[in-house]
Amino acid sequence: MEKSLTIELNNIPDNLRFILKKGSQDSIVSRAIKECKSIKTLAEKLKVDRSTIYCWKNEWWFMKFKYLKRLMKILDIDLNKICDKIQGVKGQSEVKVLFKKKLPFEIPVELIAHLQGDGSIKKRDGRCNYTNQEPLLINSFIESFQKCFVTKINIYKGKGYTQVNLPAAVGKFLVSKFGTFGSKEFVIPELKNKKSIKRYLRAIFDDEGSVVEDKKRYRYISLRLVNKVALEQIRKFLSKLRIDSHVYKYKFELRISKLENIIRFAKMVNFTHPLQKEKLKKLLNNYKRITRFGDIL
């Protein structure tokens, strides 16, 4: 099943904390105390100690989402009515603010594509990173991350590659919404328009795609993934752009061949990766009968 890129209230994990407008948390807690007749009774219902109630009421602490949901249930108020009060989300304990955006909002499609390509999120502990040799792709990943998250990242530069490490709280948040990012199991996001499809395809081809050319035998664009379901979905995305492709399941590979399909891919998707972009341009120029298309890139 495809996953929507839209983050809504019910997508927030129970252990994360909301940053509410000043006075909103105090108002909710005060009303709940009044409803329960005492702080002691409210504390018993929520299974917390009274000092925690005081800290929430004075807005010294941000409360976990699971407690906010219980408070709204006690007050018999629809949880969605507090969406306009939410100013952001914090992680657990000392973890800083994850994002400061009003719900609902959309996760950049490039962020998900890159994490599914050359990224990794450990489902157990949320450790999350993206690794690549190409600076342009590293910058693309960081830019897509910073469009919605404000927490700091750690950049490690190894010999011939760069790794961007994200806080575990971000990894856990993304896993809770999109499920596993494992190579064999990740789920392609739900993309409703051609613009989003093009952006996703470009990012995933940048990470896992290549241009293959043997002048005497064959010319094609290749995408290799061990996820056969994802390959089929990507083939359908390409089809929506009128780009025919074929999946070789035993090779875990999708291929785009034939001149008209390669030209259409170059015009509608293309690569950001400079090496593959140049190879695609060279491939098209090597078709002697279509030299007029040599400047389309």
Protein backbone atom coordinates (compact mmCIF):
# COMPACT_ATOMS: atom_id res chain seq x y z
CA MET A 1 0.00 0.00 0.00
CA GLU A 2 1.31 3.44 -0.90
CA LYS A 3 2.04 5.98 1.84
CA SER A 4 0.87 9.58 1.63
CA LEU A 5 3.54 12.27 2.01
CA THR A 6 1.15 14.39 4.10
CA ILE A 7 1.90 14.52 7.84
CA GLU A 8 -1.29 14.82 9.87
CA LEU A 9 -2.02 14.89 13.59
CA ASN A 10 -2.54 11.14 13.82
CA ASN A 11 0.90 10.53 12.24
CA ILE A 12 2.74 11.93 15.26
CA PRO A 13 4.17 9.17 17.50
CA ASP A 14 2.82 9.06 21.06
CA ASN A 15 6.23 9.66 22.65
CA LEU A 16 6.89 13.00 20.89
CA ARG A 17 5.93 16.31 22.48
CA PHE A 18 3.88 19.12 20.97
CA ILE A 19 4.91 22.75 21.25
CA LEU A 20 1.61 24.58 21.72
CA LYS A 21 0.86 28.29 21.58
CA LYS A 22 1.61 30.03 24.87
CA GLY A 23 -1.27 29.51 27.29
CA SER A 24 -2.85 26.63 25.34
CA GLN A 25 -1.34 23.82 27.41
CA ASP A 26 -2.20 25.63 30.67
CA SER A 27 -5.79 26.07 29.44
CA ILE A 28 -6.21 22.38 28.52
CA VAL A 29 -4.73 21.12 31.81
CA SER A 30 -6.73 23.61 33.90
CA ARG A 31 -9.99 22.54 32.24
CA ALA A 32 -9.14 18.88 32.81
CA ILE A 33 -8.42 19.54 36.51
CA LYS A 34 -11.79 21.26 36.81
CA GLU A 35 -13.50 18.36 35.00
CA CYS A 36 -11.87 15.80 37.34
CA LYS A 37 -12.53 17.97 40.44
CA SER A 38 -8.89 17.78 41.59
CA ILE A 39 -5.29 17.47 40.47
CA LYS A 40 -5.04 14.18 42.37
CA THR A 41 -7.90 12.60 40.42
CA LEU A 42 -6.53 13.83 37.08
CA ALA A 43 -3.07 12.46 37.95
CA GLU A 44 -4.61 9.08 38.77
CA LYS A 45 -6.52 9.01 35.49
CA LEU A 46 -3.42 9.87 33.47
CA LYS A 47 -1.18 7.60 35.60
CA VAL A 48 1.33 10.35 36.33
CA ASP A 49 2.34 12.06 39.58
CA ARG A 50 0.92 15.40 40.67
CA SER A 51 4.19 17.26 40.15
CA THR A 52 3.96 16.38 36.43
CA ILE A 53 0.50 17.98 36.28
CA TYR A 54 1.91 21.15 37.88
CA CYS A 55 4.77 21.26 35.36
CA TRP A 56 2.36 20.86 32.45
CA LYS A 57 0.02 23.51 33.82
CA ASN A 58 2.83 26.02 34.29
CA GLU A 59 4.18 25.07 30.84
CA TRP A 60 7.58 24.15 32.23
CA TRP A 61 7.38 20.83 30.38
CA PHE A 62 5.88 19.91 27.03
CA MET A 63 3.61 16.89 27.35
CA LYS A 64 3.85 13.72 25.28
CA PHE A 65 1.19 13.28 22.63
CA LYS A 66 -0.26 10.24 24.42
CA TYR A 67 -1.13 12.38 27.46
CA LEU A 68 -2.53 15.18 25.34
CA LYS A 69 -4.84 12.64 23.67
CA ARG A 70 -6.03 11.41 27.10
CA LEU A 71 -6.69 14.97 28.27
CA MET A 72 -8.75 15.74 25.17
CA LYS A 73 -10.72 12.54 25.73
CA ILE A 74 -11.45 13.58 29.33
CA LEU A 75 -12.68 16.95 28.02
CA ASP A 76 -14.63 15.24 25.21
CA ILE A 77 -13.03 17.51 22.62
CA ASP A 78 -12.10 16.44 19.09
CA LEU A 79 -8.31 16.22 18.97
CA ASN A 80 -8.17 17.89 15.54
CA LYS A 81 -9.45 21.11 17.08
CA ILE A 82 -6.03 21.76 18.58
CA CYS A 83 -4.22 21.70 15.21
CA ASP A 84 -4.19 25.50 15.02
CA LYS A 85 -2.56 25.58 18.49
CA ILE A 86 0.40 23.40 17.45
CA GLN A 87 3.58 25.30 16.62
CA GLY A 88 5.97 22.38 16.39
CA VAL A 89 7.09 19.02 17.71
CA LYS A 90 9.93 18.11 20.08
CA GLY A 91 11.66 14.79 20.57
CA GLN A 92 12.08 13.06 23.90
CA SER A 93 13.97 14.43 26.94
CA GLU A 94 16.83 16.72 25.85
CA VAL A 95 16.22 16.27 22.12
CA LYS A 96 15.64 19.64 20.46
CA VAL A 97 12.74 20.72 18.27
CA LEU A 98 12.20 18.41 15.28
CA PHE A 99 10.06 20.75 13.24
CA LYS A 100 8.13 23.99 13.51
CA LYS A 101 5.33 23.63 11.02
CA LYS A 102 1.58 23.73 11.30
CA LEU A 103 -0.19 20.45 10.65
CA PRO A 104 -0.90 19.11 8.14
CA PHE A 105 2.21 19.55 5.97
CA GLU A 106 3.98 17.52 3.30
CA ILE A 107 7.34 15.76 3.53
CA PRO A 108 9.54 16.58 0.48
CA VAL A 109 9.43 13.65 -1.93
CA GLU A 110 13.20 13.90 -2.51
CA LEU A 111 13.87 13.21 1.18
CA ILE A 112 12.00 9.90 1.05
CA ALA A 113 13.49 8.92 -2.33
CA HIS A 114 17.06 9.56 -1.17
CA LEU A 115 16.54 7.61 2.06
CA GLN A 116 15.12 4.72 0.05
CA GLY A 117 18.03 4.94 -2.38
CA ASP A 118 21.35 5.55 -0.62
CA GLY A 119 19.94 6.12 2.84
CA SER A 120 19.29 3.96 5.87
CA ILE A 121 17.00 4.07 8.91
CA LYS A 122 17.40 1.43 11.60
CA LYS A 123 13.89 0.43 12.66
CA ARG A 124 15.07 -0.62 16.12
CA ASP A 125 16.76 2.59 17.30
CA GLY A 126 15.99 5.16 14.57
CA ARG A 127 19.61 5.72 13.52
CA CYS A 128 19.31 7.49 10.20
CA ASN A 129 21.83 8.51 7.53
CA TYR A 130 22.37 9.23 3.85
CA THR A 131 25.68 8.44 2.13
CA ASN A 132 26.89 9.50 -1.30
CA GLN A 133 30.04 10.46 -3.19
CA GLU A 134 28.44 13.27 -5.20
CA PRO A 135 28.29 16.70 -3.43
CA LEU A 136 25.24 17.79 -5.47
CA LEU A 137 23.23 14.85 -4.15
CA ILE A 138 24.39 15.45 -0.58
CA ASN A 139 23.24 19.06 -0.91
CA SER A 140 19.92 17.92 -2.41
CA PHE A 141 19.34 15.62 0.56
CA ILE A 142 20.22 18.30 3.13
CA GLU A 143 18.01 20.86 1.38
CA SER A 144 15.01 18.49 1.32
CA PHE A 145 15.57 17.68 5.02
CA GLN A 146 15.72 21.34 6.03
CA LYS A 147 12.46 22.13 4.26
CA CYS A 148 10.58 20.58 7.17
CA PHE A 149 13.00 19.71 9.99
CA VAL A 150 14.95 22.23 12.08
CA THR A 151 16.99 19.88 14.27
CA LYS A 152 20.74 19.75 13.70
CA ILE A 153 22.45 17.17 11.51
CA ASN A 154 25.93 15.70 11.65
CA ILE A 155 28.06 15.54 8.48
CA TYR A 156 30.94 13.07 8.29
CA LYS A 157 33.37 13.26 5.38
CA GLY A 158 35.14 10.00 4.67
CA LYS A 159 37.62 9.10 1.95
CA GLY A 160 35.67 9.66 -1.25
CA TYR A 161 32.22 9.92 0.33
CA THR A 162 30.08 12.05 2.64
CA GLN A 163 27.58 10.76 5.20
CA VAL A 164 24.76 12.89 6.59
CA ASN A 165 23.58 11.61 9.98
CA LEU A 166 20.14 12.61 11.25
CA PRO A 167 18.94 12.47 14.88
CA ALA A 168 17.37 9.14 15.88
CA ALA A 169 14.15 10.99 16.79
CA VAL A 170 13.77 11.98 13.12
CA GLY A 171 14.39 8.38 12.00
CA LYS A 172 11.76 7.06 14.41
CA PHE A 173 9.31 9.72 13.25
CA LEU A 174 9.80 8.80 9.57
CA VAL A 175 9.52 5.06 10.28
CA SER A 176 6.29 5.61 12.22
CA LYS A 177 4.80 7.32 9.16
CA PHE A 178 6.34 5.48 6.20
CA GLY A 179 7.22 2.09 7.68
CA THR A 180 10.50 0.34 7.03
CA PHE A 181 13.18 1.86 4.81
CA GLY A 182 14.83 -1.52 4.36
CA SER A 183 16.14 -2.12 0.84
CA LYS A 184 13.84 -5.09 0.17
CA GLU A 185 10.71 -3.76 1.86
CA PHE A 186 10.33 0.02 1.53
CA VAL A 187 7.05 1.36 0.17
CA ILE A 188 6.92 3.95 -2.62
CA PRO A 189 5.07 7.09 -1.44
CA GLU A 190 1.67 8.01 -2.84
CA LEU A 191 2.25 10.53 -5.63
CA LYS A 192 -0.80 12.21 -7.10
CA ASN A 193 0.62 14.44 -9.83
CA LYS A 194 3.26 14.25 -12.56
CA LYS A 195 5.43 16.91 -10.94
CA SER A 196 5.84 14.81 -7.77
CA ILE A 197 6.41 11.68 -9.85
CA LYS A 198 9.21 13.41 -11.80
CA ARG A 199 10.85 14.63 -8.59
CA TYR A 200 10.74 11.17 -7.02
CA LEU A 201 12.06 9.46 -10.14
CA ARG A 202 14.94 11.91 -10.52
CA ALA A 203 16.04 11.40 -6.90
CA ILE A 204 15.83 7.59 -6.98
CA PHE A 205 17.58 7.41 -10.38
CA ASP A 206 20.29 9.77 -9.07
CA ASP A 207 21.03 7.29 -6.28
CA GLU A 208 20.45 3.93 -7.95
CA GLY A 209 20.34 4.61 -11.69
CA SER A 210 23.02 4.56 -14.39
CA VAL A 211 23.44 5.02 -18.11
CA VAL A 212 24.74 1.92 -19.91
CA GLU A 213 26.20 2.14 -23.41
CA ASP A 214 27.99 -0.39 -25.60
CA LYS A 215 28.04 1.14 -29.07
CA LYS A 216 28.02 -2.24 -30.78
CA ARG A 217 25.37 -3.93 -28.64
CA TYR A 218 23.04 -1.85 -26.49
CA ARG A 219 22.13 1.50 -24.99
CA TYR A 220 19.78 1.91 -22.02
CA ILE A 221 19.12 3.56 -18.66
CA SER A 222 19.29 1.15 -15.75
CA LEU A 223 17.81 1.21 -12.24
CA ARG A 224 18.85 -1.53 -9.82
CA LEU A 225 16.87 -2.26 -6.63
CA VAL A 226 16.48 -5.49 -4.67
CA ASN A 227 12.88 -4.37 -4.00
CA LYS A 228 10.86 -5.97 -6.83
CA VAL A 229 7.58 -4.34 -5.75
CA ALA A 230 9.22 -0.90 -5.83
CA LEU A 231 10.64 -1.58 -9.31
CA GLU A 232 7.14 -2.38 -10.60
CA GLN A 233 5.74 0.80 -9.03
CA ILE A 234 8.53 2.86 -10.59
CA ARG A 235 7.74 1.25 -13.94
CA LYS A 236 4.13 2.44 -13.51
CA PHE A 237 5.32 5.95 -12.67
CA LEU A 238 7.39 6.01 -15.85
CA SER A 239 4.40 4.75 -17.81
CA LYS A 240 2.38 7.76 -16.57
CA LEU A 241 5.02 9.92 -18.25
CA ARG A 242 4.69 7.80 -21.42
CA ILE A 243 8.12 6.24 -20.85
CA ASP A 244 8.11 2.50 -21.54
CA SER A 245 10.41 0.34 -19.44
CA HIS A 246 10.90 -3.31 -18.56
CA VAL A 247 11.61 -4.97 -15.20
CA TYR A 248 14.00 -7.94 -15.18
CA LYS A 249 13.02 -9.49 -11.87
CA TYR A 250 15.79 -12.08 -11.84
CA LYS A 251 18.33 -9.24 -12.23
CA PHE A 252 16.52 -6.85 -9.83
CA GLU A 253 16.75 -4.27 -12.59
CA LEU A 254 14.53 -1.87 -14.54
CA ARG A 255 15.68 -0.82 -18.01
CA ILE A 256 14.62 2.06 -20.26
CA SER A 257 15.63 1.34 -23.83
CA LYS A 258 14.61 2.46 -27.33
CA LEU A 259 15.41 5.92 -28.53
CA GLU A 260 12.01 7.52 -27.98
CA ASN A 261 11.88 6.39 -24.33
CA ILE A 262 15.41 7.57 -23.57
CA ILE A 263 14.67 10.98 -25.13
CA ARG A 264 11.45 11.26 -23.12
CA PHE A 265 13.30 10.33 -19.91
CA ALA A 266 15.94 13.00 -20.65
CA LYS A 267 13.27 15.64 -21.19
CA MET A 268 10.93 14.76 -18.32
CA VAL A 269 13.14 13.25 -15.58
CA ASN A 270 16.88 13.32 -16.31
CA PHE A 271 19.62 13.17 -13.67
CA THR A 272 20.99 15.64 -11.16
CA HIS A 273 24.09 13.46 -10.82
CA PRO A 274 26.58 15.19 -13.17
CA LEU A 275 28.34 11.99 -14.28
CA GLN A 276 25.11 10.20 -15.26
CA LYS A 277 23.71 13.38 -16.79
CA GLU A 278 26.77 13.72 -19.00
CA LYS A 279 26.67 10.02 -19.93
CA LEU A 280 23.01 10.38 -20.94
CA LYS A 281 23.83 13.38 -23.11
CA LYS A 282 26.70 11.45 -24.71
CA LEU A 283 24.46 8.43 -25.33
CA LEU A 284 21.91 10.55 -27.17
CA ASN A 285 24.59 12.29 -29.21
CA ASN A 286 25.99 8.91 -30.23
CA TYR A 287 22.76 8.05 -32.00
CA LYS A 288 23.94 9.35 -35.37
CA ARG A 289 20.44 9.70 -36.75
CA ILE A 290 19.29 11.95 -33.88
CA THR A 291 22.18 14.39 -33.51
CA ARG A 292 19.62 17.20 -33.50
CA PHE A 293 18.58 16.06 -29.97
CA GLY A 294 22.08 16.54 -28.64
CA ASP A 295 21.24 19.90 -27.05
CA ILE A 296 18.02 18.88 -25.24
CA LEU A 297 19.88 18.40 -21.96
